[in-house]
Amino acid sequence: MRPYYRTSNENIALIGHRKSSESSEPEVLADIYDSANNIAIWKRELNQAVLSSVDQLFAETRSLKIEGSVRPESAKAFLLDKLKGLAWAEPLSSEIAELVDMFCCLFELENAGLRLTMLDHAMCPRFHVDRVPCRLVTTFKGSSTQWLPHEAVDRSKLGHGNNGLPDEESGIYQDVSDIRQLTSGDVALLKGELWEGNENAGLVHRSPGVKPGEKRLLLTLDFIG
């Protein structure tokens, strides 16, 4: 297992500072091991085969929620089974299986917790942090995850600290220009509160709003304890 639980003097020195890392190359995801990073973003565009696969999914399916523990070598078969082995499902299943392989390889995991969901609402509409070591998120269609740079967040306004006020009024951020947003197709690793040395510095993020009649397709990968 890579030493994501190891605390060092560098971790302690950087406790008040976090930054992001992004690139069009997938190798950027390894930057999550930088003590100062709490998000690494692989900026990419989905290929036409995957886009067509997703469009067909939306044309034939009104709702979708696939969850399970998957291994890199069996992820594609798992997804094809859940998607009833339809021919259009192959490109999307292959794409997700590659992400499972990357995620497990990066963190030296035998399996990952997979969730593929079609959403017509904001699943987590408030800015929050995840109590996980690290989570992979990518949106195949629709609006993508919003996040706040560490220095732009008033963390005292998280949870009950918002005093029941919406994010726009609570003071968790000062200006709408502080909000960053992933693009459909981007793959991001979000460092959470349980990555040792990252306490009180987990990435603050939320689900985007979804307009009436619109849907999004979200994939998340998590560590399996």
Protein backbone atom coordinates (compact mmCIF):
# COMPACT_ATOMS: atom_id res chain seq x y z
CA MET A 1 0.00 0.00 0.00
CA ARG A 2 1.32 3.44 -0.89
CA PRO A 3 2.01 5.50 2.26
CA TYR A 4 -1.10 7.69 2.21
CA TYR A 5 -1.40 7.20 5.98
CA ARG A 6 2.16 8.27 6.76
CA THR A 7 2.52 11.56 8.59
CA SER A 8 5.74 13.50 8.03
CA ASN A 9 7.21 16.81 9.09
CA GLU A 10 6.30 18.05 5.63
CA ASN A 11 2.65 17.17 6.26
CA ILE A 12 2.68 19.12 9.50
CA ALA A 13 4.38 22.14 7.93
CA LEU A 14 1.81 22.27 5.14
CA ILE A 15 -1.29 21.85 7.29
CA GLY A 16 -2.43 25.42 6.53
CA HIS A 17 -1.80 25.24 2.78
CA ARG A 18 -3.33 23.14 0.01
CA LYS A 19 -3.29 23.48 -3.76
CA SER A 20 -4.60 21.79 -6.89
CA SER A 21 -2.81 20.09 -9.76
CA GLU A 22 -4.19 19.61 -13.27
CA SER A 23 -2.96 18.45 -16.66
CA SER A 24 -4.15 16.87 -19.90
CA GLU A 25 -1.89 13.89 -19.08
CA PRO A 26 -3.18 11.07 -16.83
CA GLU A 27 0.10 11.01 -14.88
CA VAL A 28 -1.14 14.11 -13.07
CA LEU A 29 -3.27 11.87 -10.86
CA ALA A 30 -0.10 10.76 -9.05
CA ASP A 31 0.24 14.35 -7.82
CA ILE A 32 -2.34 13.49 -5.17
CA TYR A 33 0.64 12.10 -3.22
CA ASP A 34 2.04 15.62 -2.96
CA SER A 35 1.35 16.64 0.64
CA ALA A 36 0.24 20.09 -0.51
CA ASN A 37 -2.35 18.84 -3.03
CA ASN A 38 -5.94 18.08 -2.11
CA ILE A 39 -7.19 17.66 -5.70
CA ALA A 40 -5.57 16.30 -8.85
CA ILE A 41 -7.42 16.73 -12.15
CA TRP A 42 -6.86 14.90 -15.40
CA LYS A 43 -8.38 17.23 -18.02
CA ARG A 44 -9.62 15.11 -20.92
CA GLU A 45 -12.24 14.77 -23.60
CA LEU A 46 -14.20 11.54 -23.95
CA ASN A 47 -13.79 9.72 -27.25
CA GLN A 48 -16.71 9.40 -29.64
CA ALA A 49 -17.33 5.73 -28.89
CA VAL A 50 -17.82 6.46 -25.18
CA LEU A 51 -19.97 9.51 -25.91
CA SER A 52 -22.20 7.44 -28.20
CA SER A 53 -22.39 4.71 -25.56
CA VAL A 54 -23.52 7.22 -22.94
CA ASP A 55 -26.06 8.80 -25.30
CA GLN A 56 -27.54 5.36 -25.98
CA LEU A 57 -27.71 4.68 -22.25
CA PHE A 58 -29.69 7.88 -21.74
CA ALA A 59 -31.98 7.03 -24.67
CA GLU A 60 -32.80 3.56 -23.30
CA THR A 61 -32.64 4.04 -19.53
CA ARG A 62 -34.68 6.33 -17.32
CA SER A 63 -32.74 5.64 -14.14
CA LEU A 64 -29.53 3.86 -13.22
CA LYS A 65 -27.72 3.02 -10.00
CA ILE A 66 -24.92 0.47 -10.11
CA GLU A 67 -22.93 -0.19 -6.95
CA GLY A 68 -20.44 -2.84 -5.99
CA SER A 69 -16.93 -3.84 -5.03
CA VAL A 70 -14.94 -4.50 -8.21
CA ARG A 71 -11.49 -5.75 -9.12
CA PRO A 72 -9.64 -4.34 -12.13
CA GLU A 73 -9.75 -7.64 -13.99
CA SER A 74 -13.49 -8.15 -13.47
CA ALA A 75 -14.86 -4.59 -13.57
CA LYS A 76 -15.83 -4.69 -17.24
CA ALA A 77 -17.72 -7.98 -16.91
CA PHE A 78 -19.45 -6.65 -13.77
CA LEU A 79 -20.68 -3.57 -15.64
CA LEU A 80 -21.73 -5.45 -18.77
CA ASP A 81 -23.77 -7.78 -16.61
CA LYS A 82 -25.49 -4.85 -14.88
CA LEU A 83 -26.11 -3.21 -18.27
CA LYS A 84 -27.57 -6.48 -19.61
CA GLY A 85 -24.71 -7.08 -22.05
CA LEU A 86 -26.13 -4.69 -24.64
CA ALA A 87 -23.70 -3.92 -27.48
CA TRP A 88 -23.76 -0.17 -26.86
CA ALA A 89 -22.61 -0.73 -23.26
CA GLU A 90 -19.18 -2.08 -24.22
CA PRO A 91 -17.31 1.24 -24.77
CA LEU A 92 -18.59 2.75 -21.51
CA SER A 93 -17.85 -0.44 -19.56
CA SER A 94 -14.33 -0.61 -21.00
CA GLU A 95 -13.70 3.04 -20.13
CA ILE A 96 -14.81 2.58 -16.54
CA ALA A 97 -12.79 -0.63 -16.19
CA GLU A 98 -9.67 1.30 -17.23
CA LEU A 99 -10.36 3.89 -14.53
CA VAL A 100 -10.78 1.12 -11.95
CA ASP A 101 -7.44 -0.31 -13.03
CA MET A 102 -5.74 3.11 -12.76
CA PHE A 103 -7.28 3.80 -9.35
CA CYS A 104 -6.32 0.43 -7.90
CA CYS A 105 -2.83 0.61 -9.37
CA LEU A 106 -2.21 4.13 -8.03
CA PHE A 107 -3.21 3.21 -4.50
CA GLU A 108 -2.16 -0.47 -4.60
CA LEU A 109 -5.70 -1.66 -3.93
CA GLU A 110 -7.07 -5.10 -4.77
CA ASN A 111 -10.56 -3.71 -5.36
CA ALA A 112 -12.53 -0.48 -5.34
CA GLY A 113 -16.00 0.60 -4.37
CA LEU A 114 -17.77 1.58 -7.59
CA ARG A 115 -20.90 3.68 -7.94
CA LEU A 116 -22.33 4.66 -11.33
CA THR A 117 -25.45 6.78 -11.02
CA MET A 118 -27.81 8.67 -13.32
CA LEU A 119 -28.97 11.75 -11.45
CA ASP A 120 -31.75 14.26 -12.07
CA HIS A 121 -30.99 16.21 -8.90
CA ALA A 122 -28.00 17.44 -6.89
CA MET A 123 -27.01 14.42 -4.77
CA CYS A 124 -24.92 16.51 -2.34
CA PRO A 125 -26.05 20.11 -2.95
CA ARG A 126 -24.16 21.71 -0.02
CA PHE A 127 -20.41 22.29 0.08
CA HIS A 128 -18.90 19.58 2.26
CA VAL A 129 -15.85 17.37 2.80
CA ASP A 130 -15.71 13.58 2.50
CA ARG A 131 -14.57 11.42 5.40
CA VAL A 132 -12.56 9.13 3.13
CA PRO A 133 -8.85 8.99 2.28
CA CYS A 134 -9.44 9.78 -1.40
CA ARG A 135 -12.26 9.53 -3.96
CA LEU A 136 -12.21 9.47 -7.75
CA VAL A 137 -15.02 11.35 -9.46
CA THR A 138 -15.85 11.79 -13.12
CA THR A 139 -19.01 12.87 -14.93
CA PHE A 140 -19.72 11.25 -18.29
CA LYS A 141 -22.66 13.50 -19.16
CA GLY A 142 -24.11 16.66 -17.68
CA SER A 143 -22.82 19.20 -15.20
CA SER A 144 -19.78 18.23 -13.12
CA THR A 145 -18.61 18.56 -9.54
CA GLN A 146 -17.99 22.02 -8.09
CA TRP A 147 -15.16 22.69 -5.62
CA LEU A 148 -13.49 25.46 -3.66
CA PRO A 149 -9.76 26.20 -3.41
CA HIS A 150 -8.53 25.67 0.15
CA GLU A 151 -7.66 29.34 0.67
CA ALA A 152 -11.15 30.45 -0.41
CA VAL A 153 -13.00 28.39 2.23
CA ASP A 154 -14.20 29.48 5.66
CA ARG A 155 -14.25 25.98 7.15
CA SER A 156 -16.14 27.17 10.21
CA LYS A 157 -19.19 27.37 7.92
CA LEU A 158 -19.15 23.65 7.06
CA GLY A 159 -21.98 21.50 8.43
CA HIS A 160 -23.90 23.07 11.31
CA GLY A 161 -21.62 26.09 11.07
CA ASN A 162 -23.75 27.35 8.20
CA ASN A 163 -26.54 28.12 10.71
CA GLY A 164 -29.11 26.80 8.25
CA LEU A 165 -28.18 29.31 5.58
CA PRO A 166 -27.61 28.28 1.94
CA ASP A 167 -24.04 28.23 0.67
CA GLU A 168 -24.63 31.52 -1.13
CA GLU A 169 -25.40 33.22 2.19
CA SER A 170 -23.49 31.25 4.83
CA GLY A 171 -20.10 32.84 4.19
CA ILE A 172 -18.37 29.54 3.34
CA TYR A 173 -16.99 31.44 0.33
CA GLN A 174 -16.84 35.17 -0.34
CA ASP A 175 -17.55 35.44 -4.06
CA VAL A 176 -19.14 33.21 -6.69
CA SER A 177 -15.89 33.52 -8.65
CA ASP A 178 -14.25 31.38 -5.93
CA ILE A 179 -16.19 28.33 -7.16
CA ARG A 180 -14.33 26.01 -9.52
CA GLN A 181 -16.06 23.34 -11.62
CA LEU A 182 -14.87 20.19 -13.34
CA THR A 183 -15.80 19.62 -16.98
CA SER A 184 -17.65 16.55 -18.25
CA GLY A 185 -14.99 13.93 -18.96
CA ASP A 186 -12.47 15.23 -16.39
CA VAL A 187 -11.16 12.67 -13.92
CA ALA A 188 -10.42 14.06 -10.46
CA LEU A 189 -8.99 12.65 -7.25
CA LEU A 190 -10.43 14.42 -4.21
CA LYS A 191 -8.37 14.06 -1.05
CA GLY A 192 -10.59 13.61 2.00
CA GLU A 193 -10.33 14.09 5.74
CA LEU A 194 -9.10 10.54 6.40
CA TRP A 195 -5.89 10.91 4.41
CA GLU A 196 -3.49 11.23 7.34
CA GLY A 197 -1.85 14.63 7.39
CA ASN A 198 -4.85 16.13 5.58
CA GLU A 199 -7.08 16.59 8.60
CA ASN A 200 -9.11 19.82 8.35
CA ALA A 201 -7.97 20.17 4.73
CA GLY A 202 -10.21 17.73 2.84
CA LEU A 203 -11.35 19.17 -0.48
CA VAL A 204 -14.56 21.18 -0.10
CA HIS A 205 -16.96 20.33 -2.93
CA ARG A 206 -20.61 19.84 -3.88
CA SER A 207 -22.84 18.42 -6.58
CA PRO A 208 -23.87 20.92 -9.28
CA GLY A 209 -27.44 22.03 -9.70
CA VAL A 210 -29.38 20.12 -12.36
CA LYS A 211 -31.90 21.97 -14.49
CA PRO A 212 -35.43 20.52 -14.84
CA GLY A 213 -35.47 17.77 -17.44
CA GLU A 214 -31.69 17.34 -17.38
CA LYS A 215 -29.71 14.37 -16.07
CA ARG A 216 -26.06 13.61 -15.38
CA LEU A 217 -24.06 10.38 -15.25
CA LEU A 218 -21.61 10.27 -12.35
CA LEU A 219 -18.95 7.68 -11.52
CA THR A 220 -17.21 7.52 -8.14
CA LEU A 221 -14.51 5.10 -6.98
CA ASP A 222 -13.64 4.64 -3.31
CA PHE A 223 -11.24 2.70 -1.14
CA ILE A 224 -12.55 -0.57 0.27
CA GLY A 225 -11.49 -0.94 3.89
